[in-house]
Amino acid sequence: MKGDQGKHAEKSDADMKDSRRDRLKLALRENLKRRKSQARGRSDADASSEDADASLDDASGEKP
């Protein structure tokens, strides 16, 4: 049993670096997806507020 624990407890530096690299790659990918989604949300909100501002300008710019 002691021999089995030693095999599972020991990992080579290359294996540890690969697993760390994979975790970081996944975290960066998720972060990028979240930031893109936030940017899309902001651009959609800006576009809708510009439309609302334009309609307000049109209504106030007209003189009877």
Protein backbone atom coordinates (compact mmCIF):
# COMPACT_ATOMS: atom_id res chain seq x y z
CA MET A 1 0.00 0.00 0.00
CA LYS A 2 2.84 2.39 0.70
CA GLY A 3 4.17 1.88 -2.80
CA ASP A 4 0.80 2.77 -4.33
CA GLN A 5 0.60 6.03 -2.41
CA GLY A 6 4.04 7.03 -3.61
CA LYS A 7 3.10 6.48 -7.25
CA HIS A 8 -0.05 8.59 -7.01
CA ALA A 9 1.53 11.30 -4.86
CA GLU A 10 4.48 11.82 -7.19
CA LYS A 11 3.84 13.80 -10.33
CA SER A 12 6.51 14.97 -12.67
CA ASP A 13 7.08 18.66 -13.11
CA ALA A 14 5.97 18.40 -16.73
CA ASP A 15 2.61 16.92 -15.71
CA MET A 16 2.06 19.65 -13.14
CA LYS A 17 2.96 22.36 -15.64
CA ASP A 18 0.66 20.86 -18.25
CA SER A 19 -2.28 20.68 -15.86
CA ARG A 20 -1.62 24.25 -14.69
CA ARG A 21 -1.40 25.42 -18.30
CA ASP A 22 -4.70 23.70 -19.11
CA ARG A 23 -6.43 25.28 -16.10
CA LEU A 24 -5.11 28.73 -17.01
CA LYS A 25 -6.12 28.28 -20.64
CA LEU A 26 -9.65 27.36 -19.60
CA ALA A 27 -9.86 30.27 -17.15
CA LEU A 28 -8.66 32.73 -19.79
CA ARG A 29 -11.17 31.39 -22.32
CA GLU A 30 -14.04 31.76 -19.84
CA ASN A 31 -12.86 35.26 -18.92
CA LEU A 32 -12.78 36.26 -22.58
CA LYS A 33 -16.30 34.93 -23.13
CA ARG A 34 -17.56 36.87 -20.10
CA ARG A 35 -15.87 40.10 -21.21
CA LYS A 36 -17.22 39.78 -24.76
CA SER A 37 -20.70 39.22 -23.40
CA GLN A 38 -20.39 42.29 -21.16
CA ALA A 39 -19.14 44.37 -24.11
CA ARG A 40 -22.08 43.23 -26.24
CA GLY A 41 -24.46 44.16 -23.44
CA ARG A 42 -22.92 47.60 -23.15
CA SER A 43 -23.02 48.22 -26.90
CA ASP A 44 -26.68 47.12 -27.02
CA ALA A 45 -27.52 49.46 -24.14
CA ASP A 46 -25.64 52.32 -25.81
CA ALA A 47 -27.43 51.76 -29.11
CA SER A 48 -30.85 51.74 -27.46
CA SER A 49 -30.06 54.88 -25.44
CA GLU A 50 -28.86 56.65 -28.60
CA ASP A 51 -32.15 55.82 -30.30
CA ALA A 52 -34.05 57.19 -27.32
CA ASP A 53 -31.93 60.36 -27.31
CA ALA A 54 -32.48 60.84 -31.04
CA SER A 55 -36.24 60.57 -30.66
CA LEU A 56 -36.17 63.10 -27.83
CA ASP A 57 -34.06 65.49 -29.92
CA ASP A 58 -36.44 65.19 -32.86
CA ALA A 59 -39.45 65.99 -30.71
CA SER A 60 -37.85 68.99 -28.96
CA GLY A 61 -36.25 70.36 -32.13
CA GLU A 62 -39.51 70.94 -33.94
CA LYS A 63 -41.25 74.29 -33.54
CA PRO A 64 -44.98 74.62 -34.19
